[in-house]
Amino acid sequence: MRVNGTQQQLKKPVSLAQYLRQEGYNEGKVAVEKNGEIVPKSRFQDAILSDADTLEIVHFVGGG
């Protein structure tokens, strides 16, 4: 699987929500594109990732 331009090994299919949690992302503060399509936050649990997928993950940071 390719994530933000870096190749990663995905040992087994997991949901996008599971992947984000295990990688330390805050699901409420990210936008995700899977294979060129935006995944709505409401679909994170249903979107199953495989080793052939490409993800772009953007996380939002607050500032002042």
PDB file of N, CA and C in Angstrom:
ATOM      1  N   MET A   1       0.847  -1.164   0.000  1.00  0.00           N
ATOM      2  CA  MET A   1       0.000   0.000   0.000  1.00  0.00           C
ATOM      3  C   MET A   1       0.898   1.234   0.000  1.00  0.00           C
ATOM      4  N   ARG A   2       0.486   2.258  -0.703  1.00  0.00           N
ATOM      5  CA  ARG A   2       1.240   3.510  -0.738  1.00  0.00           C
ATOM      6  C   ARG A   2       0.457   4.555   0.076  1.00  0.00           C
ATOM      7  N   VAL A   3       1.144   5.155   1.053  1.00  0.00           N
ATOM      8  CA  VAL A   3       0.534   6.164   1.922  1.00  0.00           C
ATOM      9  C   VAL A   3       1.367   7.429   1.843  1.00  0.00           C
ATOM     10  N   ASN A   4       0.754   8.508   1.370  1.00  0.00           N
ATOM     11  CA  ASN A   4       1.441   9.793   1.225  1.00  0.00           C
ATOM     12  C   ASN A   4       2.774   9.638   0.500  1.00  0.00           C
ATOM     13  N   GLY A   5       2.771   8.816  -0.546  1.00  0.00           N
ATOM     14  CA  GLY A   5       3.958   8.650  -1.372  1.00  0.00           C
ATOM     15  C   GLY A   5       4.970   7.631  -0.877  1.00  0.00           C
ATOM     16  N   THR A   6       4.728   7.004   0.271  1.00  0.00           N
ATOM     17  CA  THR A   6       5.650   6.029   0.839  1.00  0.00           C
ATOM     18  C   THR A   6       5.025   4.643   0.813  1.00  0.00           C
ATOM     19  N   GLN A   7       5.785   3.671   0.335  1.00  0.00           N
ATOM     20  CA  GLN A   7       5.297   2.299   0.285  1.00  0.00           C
ATOM     21  C   GLN A   7       5.280   1.706   1.683  1.00  0.00           C
ATOM     22  N   GLN A   8       4.158   1.068   2.055  1.00  0.00           N
ATOM     23  CA  GLN A   8       4.026   0.389   3.345  1.00  0.00           C
ATOM     24  C   GLN A   8       3.449  -0.995   3.115  1.00  0.00           C
ATOM     25  N   GLN A   9       3.837  -1.935   3.942  1.00  0.00           N
ATOM     26  CA  GLN A   9       3.315  -3.299   3.858  1.00  0.00           C
ATOM     27  C   GLN A   9       2.070  -3.400   4.729  1.00  0.00           C
ATOM     28  N   LEU A  10       0.981  -3.824   4.139  1.00  0.00           N
ATOM     29  CA  LEU A  10      -0.256  -4.062   4.885  1.00  0.00           C
ATOM     30  C   LEU A  10      -0.404  -5.568   5.025  1.00  0.00           C
ATOM     31  N   LYS A  11      -0.306  -6.075   6.250  1.00  0.00           N
ATOM     32  CA  LYS A  11      -0.274  -7.525   6.467  1.00  0.00           C
ATOM     33  C   LYS A  11      -1.617  -8.191   6.197  1.00  0.00           C
ATOM     34  N   LYS A  12      -2.704  -7.485   6.475  1.00  0.00           N
ATOM     35  CA  LYS A  12      -4.036  -8.034   6.225  1.00  0.00           C
ATOM     36  C   LYS A  12      -4.990  -6.867   5.982  1.00  0.00           C
ATOM     37  N   PRO A  13      -6.095  -7.124   5.295  1.00  0.00           N
ATOM     38  CA  PRO A  13      -7.067  -6.047   5.075  1.00  0.00           C
ATOM     39  C   PRO A  13      -7.604  -5.516   6.404  1.00  0.00           C
ATOM     40  N   VAL A  14      -7.699  -4.198   6.507  1.00  0.00           N
ATOM     41  CA  VAL A  14      -8.257  -3.545   7.698  1.00  0.00           C
ATOM     42  C   VAL A  14      -9.136  -2.395   7.241  1.00  0.00           C
ATOM     43  N   SER A  15     -10.001  -1.949   8.132  1.00  0.00           N
ATOM     44  CA  SER A  15     -10.812  -0.777   7.796  1.00  0.00           C
ATOM     45  C   SER A  15      -9.932   0.470   7.861  1.00  0.00           C
ATOM     46  N   LEU A  16     -10.346   1.483   7.158  1.00  0.00           N
ATOM     47  CA  LEU A  16      -9.621   2.755   7.201  1.00  0.00           C
ATOM     48  C   LEU A  16      -9.592   3.286   8.623  1.00  0.00           C
ATOM     49  N   ALA A  17     -10.698   3.158   9.356  1.00  0.00           N
ATOM     50  CA  ALA A  17     -10.748   3.617  10.750  1.00  0.00           C
ATOM     51  C   ALA A  17      -9.697   2.900  11.602  1.00  0.00           C
ATOM     52  N   GLN A  18      -9.578   1.574  11.440  1.00  0.00           N
ATOM     53  CA  GLN A  18      -8.586   0.808  12.197  1.00  0.00           C
ATOM     54  C   GLN A  18      -7.177   1.260  11.842  1.00  0.00           C
ATOM     55  N   TYR A  19      -6.932   1.438  10.560  1.00  0.00           N
ATOM     56  CA  TYR A  19      -5.602   1.853  10.116  1.00  0.00           C
ATOM     57  C   TYR A  19      -5.232   3.208  10.710  1.00  0.00           C
ATOM     58  N   LEU A  20      -6.143   4.160  10.651  1.00  0.00           N
ATOM     59  CA  LEU A  20      -5.859   5.494  11.185  1.00  0.00           C
ATOM     60  C   LEU A  20      -5.550   5.435  12.671  1.00  0.00           C
ATOM     61  N   ARG A  21      -6.328   4.661  13.421  1.00  0.00           N
ATOM     62  CA  ARG A  21      -6.086   4.536  14.864  1.00  0.00           C
ATOM     63  C   ARG A  21      -4.731   3.905  15.141  1.00  0.00           C
ATOM     64  N   GLN A  22      -4.407   2.826  14.434  1.00  0.00           N
ATOM     65  CA  GLN A  22      -3.133   2.142  14.721  1.00  0.00           C
ATOM     66  C   GLN A  22      -1.933   2.985  14.326  1.00  0.00           C
ATOM     67  N   GLU A  23      -2.118   3.917  13.399  1.00  0.00           N
ATOM     68  CA  GLU A  23      -1.018   4.793  12.981  1.00  0.00           C
ATOM     69  C   GLU A  23      -0.986   6.103  13.778  1.00  0.00           C
ATOM     70  N   GLY A  24      -1.922   6.278  14.717  1.00  0.00           N
ATOM     71  CA  GLY A  24      -1.906   7.433  15.605  1.00  0.00           C
ATOM     72  C   GLY A  24      -2.594   8.679  15.085  1.00  0.00           C
ATOM     73  N   TYR A  25      -3.383   8.547  14.031  1.00  0.00           N
ATOM     74  CA  TYR A  25      -4.132   9.698  13.508  1.00  0.00           C
ATOM     75  C   TYR A  25      -5.406   9.900  14.309  1.00  0.00           C
ATOM     76  N   ASN A  26      -5.803  11.145  14.476  1.00  0.00           N
ATOM     77  CA  ASN A  26      -7.085  11.500  15.076  1.00  0.00           C
ATOM     78  C   ASN A  26      -8.101  11.541  13.939  1.00  0.00           C
ATOM     79  N   GLU A  27      -9.031  10.589  13.920  1.00  0.00           N
ATOM     80  CA  GLU A  27      -9.989  10.480  12.826  1.00  0.00           C
ATOM     81  C   GLU A  27     -10.777  11.764  12.584  1.00  0.00           C
ATOM     82  N   GLY A  28     -10.993  12.532  13.619  1.00  0.00           N
ATOM     83  CA  GLY A  28     -11.752  13.765  13.481  1.00  0.00           C
ATOM     84  C   GLY A  28     -10.975  14.904  12.848  1.00  0.00           C
ATOM     85  N   LYS A  29      -9.659  14.741  12.716  1.00  0.00           N
ATOM     86  CA  LYS A  29      -8.815  15.824  12.208  1.00  0.00           C
ATOM     87  C   LYS A  29      -8.053  15.448  10.952  1.00  0.00           C
ATOM     88  N   VAL A  30      -8.589  14.484  10.171  1.00  0.00           N
ATOM     89  CA  VAL A  30      -7.927  14.103   8.936  1.00  0.00           C
ATOM     90  C   VAL A  30      -8.917  14.091   7.775  1.00  0.00           C
ATOM     91  N   ALA A  31      -8.374  14.256   6.602  1.00  0.00           N
ATOM     92  CA  ALA A  31      -9.102  14.026   5.355  1.00  0.00           C
ATOM     93  C   ALA A  31      -8.328  12.933   4.632  1.00  0.00           C
ATOM     94  N   VAL A  32      -9.051  11.989   4.027  1.00  0.00           N
ATOM     95  CA  VAL A  32      -8.400  10.856   3.390  1.00  0.00           C
ATOM     96  C   VAL A  32      -8.907  10.682   1.963  1.00  0.00           C
ATOM     97  N   GLU A  33      -7.951  10.489   1.076  1.00  0.00           N
ATOM     98  CA  GLU A  33      -8.255  10.153  -0.310  1.00  0.00           C
ATOM     99  C   GLU A  33      -7.750   8.728  -0.532  1.00  0.00           C
ATOM    100  N   LYS A  34      -8.645   7.848  -0.988  1.00  0.00           N
ATOM    101  CA  LYS A  34      -8.288   6.451  -1.264  1.00  0.00           C
ATOM    102  C   LYS A  34      -8.430   6.212  -2.758  1.00  0.00           C
ATOM    103  N   ASN A  35      -7.337   5.861  -3.393  1.00  0.00           N
ATOM    104  CA  ASN A  35      -7.346   5.584  -4.825  1.00  0.00           C
ATOM    105  C   ASN A  35      -7.973   6.718  -5.637  1.00  0.00           C
ATOM    106  N   GLY A  36      -7.668   7.955  -5.238  1.00  0.00           N
ATOM    107  CA  GLY A  36      -8.106   9.123  -5.988  1.00  0.00           C
ATOM    108  C   GLY A  36      -9.473   9.653  -5.629  1.00  0.00           C
ATOM    109  N   GLU A  37     -10.149   9.049  -4.642  1.00  0.00           N
ATOM    110  CA  GLU A  37     -11.474   9.515  -4.239  1.00  0.00           C
ATOM    111  C   GLU A  37     -11.494   9.831  -2.748  1.00  0.00           C
ATOM    112  N   ILE A  38     -12.111  10.961  -2.410  1.00  0.00           N
ATOM    113  CA  ILE A  38     -12.245  11.355  -1.002  1.00  0.00           C
ATOM    114  C   ILE A  38     -13.156  10.355  -0.287  1.00  0.00           C
ATOM    115  N   VAL A  39     -12.736   9.931   0.896  1.00  0.00           N
ATOM    116  CA  VAL A  39     -13.557   9.045   1.721  1.00  0.00           C
ATOM    117  C   VAL A  39     -14.218   9.895   2.804  1.00  0.00           C
ATOM    118  N   PRO A  40     -15.555   9.989   2.805  1.00  0.00           N
ATOM    119  CA  PRO A  40     -16.225  10.746   3.870  1.00  0.00           C
ATOM    120  C   PRO A  40     -15.963  10.103   5.239  1.00  0.00           C
ATOM    121  N   LYS A  41     -15.867  10.923   6.268  1.00  0.00           N
ATOM    122  CA  LYS A  41     -15.618  10.404   7.616  1.00  0.00           C
ATOM    123  C   LYS A  41     -16.645   9.341   8.004  1.00  0.00           C
ATOM    124  N   SER A  42     -17.870   9.493   7.543  1.00  0.00           N
ATOM    125  CA  SER A  42     -18.923   8.532   7.873  1.00  0.00           C
ATOM    126  C   SER A  42     -18.664   7.158   7.265  1.00  0.00           C
ATOM    127  N   ARG A  43     -17.711   7.041   6.335  1.00  0.00           N
ATOM    128  CA  ARG A  43     -17.403   5.776   5.662  1.00  0.00           C
ATOM    129  C   ARG A  43     -16.059   5.183   6.097  1.00  0.00           C
ATOM    130  N   PHE A  44     -15.370   5.824   7.045  1.00  0.00           N
ATOM    131  CA  PHE A  44     -14.066   5.326   7.481  1.00  0.00           C
ATOM    132  C   PHE A  44     -14.141   3.880   7.965  1.00  0.00           C
ATOM    133  N   GLN A  45     -15.204   3.514   8.687  1.00  0.00           N
ATOM    134  CA  GLN A  45     -15.334   2.156   9.227  1.00  0.00           C
ATOM    135  C   GLN A  45     -15.624   1.153   8.113  1.00  0.00           C
ATOM    136  N   ASP A  46     -16.316   1.581   7.067  1.00  0.00           N
ATOM    137  CA  ASP A  46     -16.715   0.681   5.983  1.00  0.00           C
ATOM    138  C   ASP A  46     -15.661   0.536   4.891  1.00  0.00           C
ATOM    139  N   ALA A  47     -14.745   1.495   4.788  1.00  0.00           N
ATOM    140  CA  ALA A  47     -13.717   1.463   3.740  1.00  0.00           C
ATOM    141  C   ALA A  47     -12.632   0.465   4.131  1.00  0.00           C
ATOM    142  N   ILE A  48     -12.545  -0.641   3.401  1.00  0.00           N
ATOM    143  CA  ILE A  48     -11.558  -1.676   3.696  1.00  0.00           C
ATOM    144  C   ILE A  48     -10.323  -1.452   2.828  1.00  0.00           C
ATOM    145  N   LEU A  49      -9.167  -1.461   3.470  1.00  0.00           N
ATOM    146  CA  LEU A  49      -7.903  -1.229   2.785  1.00  0.00           C
ATOM    147  C   LEU A  49      -7.241  -2.553   2.419  1.00  0.00           C
ATOM    148  N   SER A  50      -6.587  -2.559   1.271  1.00  0.00           N
ATOM    149  CA  SER A  50      -5.793  -3.715   0.864  1.00  0.00           C
ATOM    150  C   SER A  50      -4.401  -3.223   0.487  1.00  0.00           C
ATOM    151  N   ASP A  51      -3.497  -4.152   0.263  1.00  0.00           N
ATOM    152  CA  ASP A  51      -2.117  -3.798  -0.046  1.00  0.00           C
ATOM    153  C   ASP A  51      -1.989  -3.081  -1.390  1.00  0.00           C
ATOM    154  N   ALA A  52      -3.022  -3.161  -2.239  1.00  0.00           N
ATOM    155  CA  ALA A  52      -2.979  -2.530  -3.561  1.00  0.00           C
ATOM    156  C   ALA A  52      -3.463  -1.074  -3.542  1.00  0.00           C
ATOM    157  N   ASP A  53      -3.930  -0.578  -2.405  1.00  0.00           N
ATOM    158  CA  ASP A  53      -4.500   0.770  -2.322  1.00  0.00           C
ATOM    159  C   ASP A  53      -3.441   1.864  -2.225  1.00  0.00           C
ATOM    160  N   THR A  54      -3.873   3.062  -2.609  1.00  0.00           N
ATOM    161  CA  THR A  54      -3.066   4.274  -2.450  1.00  0.00           C
ATOM    162  C   THR A  54      -3.861   5.258  -1.607  1.00  0.00           C
ATOM    163  N   LEU A  55      -3.255   5.743  -0.527  1.00  0.00           N
ATOM    164  CA  LEU A  55      -3.903   6.709   0.366  1.00  0.00           C
ATOM    165  C   LEU A  55      -3.133   8.012   0.388  1.00  0.00           C
ATOM    166  N   GLU A  56      -3.871   9.092   0.465  1.00  0.00           N
ATOM    167  CA  GLU A  56      -3.315  10.400   0.791  1.00  0.00           C
ATOM    168  C   GLU A  56      -4.040  10.843   2.050  1.00  0.00           C
ATOM    169  N   ILE A  57      -3.297  11.088   3.108  1.00  0.00           N
ATOM    170  CA  ILE A  57      -3.873  11.478   4.398  1.00  0.00           C
ATOM    171  C   ILE A  57      -3.371  12.870   4.739  1.00  0.00           C
ATOM    172  N   VAL A  58      -4.311  13.771   4.958  1.00  0.00           N
ATOM    173  CA  VAL A  58      -3.977  15.140   5.345  1.00  0.00           C
ATOM    174  C   VAL A  58      -4.567  15.369   6.724  1.00  0.00           C
ATOM    175  N   HIS A  59      -3.735  15.818   7.662  1.00  0.00           N
ATOM    176  CA  HIS A  59      -4.256  16.105   8.995  1.00  0.00           C
ATOM    177  C   HIS A  59      -4.231  17.598   9.247  1.00  0.00           C
ATOM    178  N   PHE A  60      -5.259  18.040   9.943  1.00  0.00           N
ATOM    179  CA  PHE A  60      -5.433  19.457  10.217  1.00  0.00           C
ATOM    180  C   PHE A  60      -4.805  19.794  11.557  1.00  0.00           C
ATOM    181  N   VAL A  61      -4.141  20.939  11.594  1.00  0.00           N
ATOM    182  CA  VAL A  61      -3.475  21.407  12.804  1.00  0.00           C
ATOM    183  C   VAL A  61      -4.016  22.773  13.144  1.00  0.00           C
ATOM    184  N   GLY A  62      -4.401  22.964  14.385  1.00  0.00           N
ATOM    185  CA  GLY A  62      -4.882  24.257  14.823  1.00  0.00           C
ATOM    186  C   GLY A  62      -3.725  25.202  15.115  1.00  0.00           C
ATOM    187  N   GLY A  63      -3.987  26.440  15.002  1.00  0.00           N
ATOM    188  CA  GLY A  63      -2.929  27.424  15.268  1.00  0.00           C
ATOM    189  C   GLY A  63      -3.544  28.738  15.706  1.00  0.00           C
ATOM    190  N   GLY A  64      -2.703  29.640  16.072  1.00  0.00           N
ATOM    191  CA  GLY A  64      -3.255  30.900  16.529  1.00  0.00           C
ATOM    192  C   GLY A  64      -2.432  32.071  16.144  1.00  0.00           C
TER     193      GLY A  64
END
